[in-house]
Amino acid sequence: MNGEYCPYLAQAPLTIEGEQAWQIAMLIPPLIGPPGGGGPAGVFGLDLHSGLRLAAAHGLDEAVAAELIGAIAAGMLAAIQKAQS
């Protein structure tokens, strides 16, 4: 133990909207391929259009969903890049 929170607890959603956005983000298909048309293939994002459609279908405010899902996607990509380096 190093005195830090478990990453799952440290990154857990703190609001109902955050939890709903997280659940939606887990359903969004990843965008796979070379980002910008070059380089090795891999995950380079989430299909935000699909995510917003899912959020609307579940009754979430689209502006809030866009903000939260965008942040979730950025965090996922940062974790993927960190794991690959």
C-alpha atoms as a PDB file:
ATOM      1  CA  MET A   1       0.000   0.000   0.000  1.00  0.00           C
ATOM      2  CA  ASN A   2       1.344   3.390  -0.943  1.00  0.00           C
ATOM      3  CA  GLY A   3      -1.441   5.459   0.621  1.00  0.00           C
ATOM      4  CA  GLU A   4      -3.085   6.284  -2.704  1.00  0.00           C
ATOM      5  CA  TYR A   5      -6.622   5.418  -3.694  1.00  0.00           C
ATOM      6  CA  CYS A   6      -7.213   2.452  -5.946  1.00  0.00           C
ATOM      7  CA  PRO A   7      -7.483   3.865  -9.511  1.00  0.00           C
ATOM      8  CA  TYR A   8     -11.050   2.538  -9.759  1.00  0.00           C
ATOM      9  CA  LEU A   9     -12.051   4.544  -6.687  1.00  0.00           C
ATOM     10  CA  ALA A  10      -9.999   7.604  -7.595  1.00  0.00           C
ATOM     11  CA  GLN A  11     -11.609   7.814 -11.056  1.00  0.00           C
ATOM     12  CA  ALA A  12     -15.136   6.745 -10.083  1.00  0.00           C
ATOM     13  CA  PRO A  13     -17.968   9.041 -11.206  1.00  0.00           C
ATOM     14  CA  LEU A  14     -19.118  11.362  -8.425  1.00  0.00           C
ATOM     15  CA  THR A  15     -22.531  12.291  -9.813  1.00  0.00           C
ATOM     16  CA  ILE A  16     -25.524  10.470 -11.240  1.00  0.00           C
ATOM     17  CA  GLU A  17     -24.872  12.163 -14.592  1.00  0.00           C
ATOM     18  CA  GLY A  18     -21.255  11.014 -14.476  1.00  0.00           C
ATOM     19  CA  GLU A  19     -22.304   7.435 -13.770  1.00  0.00           C
ATOM     20  CA  GLN A  20     -24.855   7.552 -16.599  1.00  0.00           C
ATOM     21  CA  ALA A  21     -22.252   8.968 -18.997  1.00  0.00           C
ATOM     22  CA  TRP A  22     -19.800   6.236 -17.933  1.00  0.00           C
ATOM     23  CA  GLN A  23     -22.393   3.535 -18.631  1.00  0.00           C
ATOM     24  CA  ILE A  24     -23.086   5.055 -22.064  1.00  0.00           C
ATOM     25  CA  ALA A  25     -19.348   5.367 -22.808  1.00  0.00           C
ATOM     26  CA  MET A  26     -18.943   1.631 -22.164  1.00  0.00           C
ATOM     27  CA  LEU A  27     -21.467   1.007 -24.978  1.00  0.00           C
ATOM     28  CA  ILE A  28     -19.860   3.304 -27.561  1.00  0.00           C
ATOM     29  CA  PRO A  29     -17.914   1.566 -30.312  1.00  0.00           C
ATOM     30  CA  PRO A  30     -14.254   2.584 -30.465  1.00  0.00           C
ATOM     31  CA  LEU A  31     -12.816   4.178 -33.581  1.00  0.00           C
ATOM     32  CA  ILE A  32     -10.085   1.831 -34.770  1.00  0.00           C
ATOM     33  CA  GLY A  33      -7.591   2.571 -37.487  1.00  0.00           C
ATOM     34  CA  PRO A  34      -4.644   4.830 -38.184  1.00  0.00           C
ATOM     35  CA  PRO A  35      -5.350   8.313 -36.796  1.00  0.00           C
ATOM     36  CA  GLY A  36      -5.084  10.950 -39.491  1.00  0.00           C
ATOM     37  CA  GLY A  37      -4.664   8.258 -42.122  1.00  0.00           C
ATOM     38  CA  GLY A  38      -1.117   7.281 -41.130  1.00  0.00           C
ATOM     39  CA  GLY A  39       0.762   5.345 -38.520  1.00  0.00           C
ATOM     40  CA  PRO A  40      -0.061   2.010 -36.914  1.00  0.00           C
ATOM     41  CA  ALA A  41      -3.679   0.980 -36.439  1.00  0.00           C
ATOM     42  CA  GLY A  42      -5.205   1.153 -32.998  1.00  0.00           C
ATOM     43  CA  VAL A  43      -7.934   2.809 -30.967  1.00  0.00           C
ATOM     44  CA  PHE A  44      -7.864   6.542 -31.566  1.00  0.00           C
ATOM     45  CA  GLY A  45     -11.202   7.635 -30.174  1.00  0.00           C
ATOM     46  CA  LEU A  46     -14.824   6.863 -29.460  1.00  0.00           C
ATOM     47  CA  ASP A  47     -17.696   7.286 -31.883  1.00  0.00           C
ATOM     48  CA  LEU A  48     -19.085  10.392 -30.190  1.00  0.00           C
ATOM     49  CA  HIS A  49     -22.019  10.611 -32.614  1.00  0.00           C
ATOM     50  CA  SER A  50     -23.160   7.135 -31.526  1.00  0.00           C
ATOM     51  CA  GLY A  51     -22.571   8.082 -27.904  1.00  0.00           C
ATOM     52  CA  LEU A  52     -24.787  11.140 -28.138  1.00  0.00           C
ATOM     53  CA  ARG A  53     -27.533   9.120 -29.831  1.00  0.00           C
ATOM     54  CA  LEU A  54     -27.324   6.547 -27.019  1.00  0.00           C
ATOM     55  CA  ALA A  55     -27.391   9.306 -24.409  1.00  0.00           C
ATOM     56  CA  ALA A  56     -30.499  10.872 -25.975  1.00  0.00           C
ATOM     57  CA  ALA A  57     -32.190   7.465 -26.145  1.00  0.00           C
ATOM     58  CA  HIS A  58     -31.513   7.037 -22.418  1.00  0.00           C
ATOM     59  CA  GLY A  59     -32.887  10.500 -21.619  1.00  0.00           C
ATOM     60  CA  LEU A  60     -29.575  12.185 -20.770  1.00  0.00           C
ATOM     61  CA  ASP A  61     -29.056  15.869 -21.509  1.00  0.00           C
ATOM     62  CA  GLU A  62     -26.990  15.889 -24.717  1.00  0.00           C
ATOM     63  CA  ALA A  63     -24.844  18.876 -23.703  1.00  0.00           C
ATOM     64  CA  VAL A  64     -23.916  17.233 -20.402  1.00  0.00           C
ATOM     65  CA  ALA A  65     -23.374  13.872 -22.113  1.00  0.00           C
ATOM     66  CA  ALA A  66     -21.099  15.440 -24.734  1.00  0.00           C
ATOM     67  CA  GLU A  67     -18.958  17.073 -22.053  1.00  0.00           C
ATOM     68  CA  LEU A  68     -18.683  13.974 -19.879  1.00  0.00           C
ATOM     69  CA  ILE A  69     -18.257  11.425 -22.676  1.00  0.00           C
ATOM     70  CA  GLY A  70     -15.601  13.656 -24.253  1.00  0.00           C
ATOM     71  CA  ALA A  71     -13.695  13.660 -20.959  1.00  0.00           C
ATOM     72  CA  ILE A  72     -14.090   9.894 -20.601  1.00  0.00           C
ATOM     73  CA  ALA A  73     -12.778   9.377 -24.149  1.00  0.00           C
ATOM     74  CA  ALA A  74      -9.772  11.611 -23.466  1.00  0.00           C
ATOM     75  CA  GLY A  75      -8.989   9.662 -20.295  1.00  0.00           C
ATOM     76  CA  MET A  76      -9.309   6.326 -22.075  1.00  0.00           C
ATOM     77  CA  LEU A  77      -6.967   7.430 -24.843  1.00  0.00           C
ATOM     78  CA  ALA A  78      -4.434   8.738 -22.324  1.00  0.00           C
ATOM     79  CA  ALA A  79      -4.516   5.366 -20.514  1.00  0.00           C
ATOM     80  CA  ILE A  80      -4.060   3.472 -23.794  1.00  0.00           C
ATOM     81  CA  GLN A  81      -1.107   5.667 -24.774  1.00  0.00           C
ATOM     82  CA  LYS A  82       0.458   5.276 -21.329  1.00  0.00           C
ATOM     83  CA  ALA A  83       0.090   1.487 -21.494  1.00  0.00           C
ATOM     84  CA  GLN A  84       1.724   1.403 -24.944  1.00  0.00           C
ATOM     85  CA  SER A  85       4.739   3.463 -23.939  1.00  0.00           C
END
